[in-house]
Amino acid sequence: MVARCGDGSVDKYTLTSLLRCYCNAGRPDDANDVFQRMSELGWVDEHVLTTLMVAFSKWGKVDGAVELLGSMEALGMRLSEKTLSVLVHGFT
């Protein structure tokens, strides 16, 4: 989907919605493609990283979620209390 869209045809909000759809559908490769596109454009924020972390916890990919958490800390971003709660329950 993302590969077929030109750079000017999508915005941050469209890609964020597409990322959430791929995460909810259990399509990690497609979600990663969208994430990479957003990273290249500098559109990664707390919401995007949180969406991916929650999806990784659902998919049982703890290492990926921990890596994203480290990326958030390096960027000076913080998780909300609600997200931390969801992640704790997802990892147990």
Foldseek 3Di string as FASTA:
>chain_A
DVVVDDPPRDDLVRLLVVLLVCLVVVNVVVNVVSVVVCVVVVSDDPSSLLSVLLSCLQVVNNVVNVVSVVVCVVVVHDDDPVSVVSSVVSND
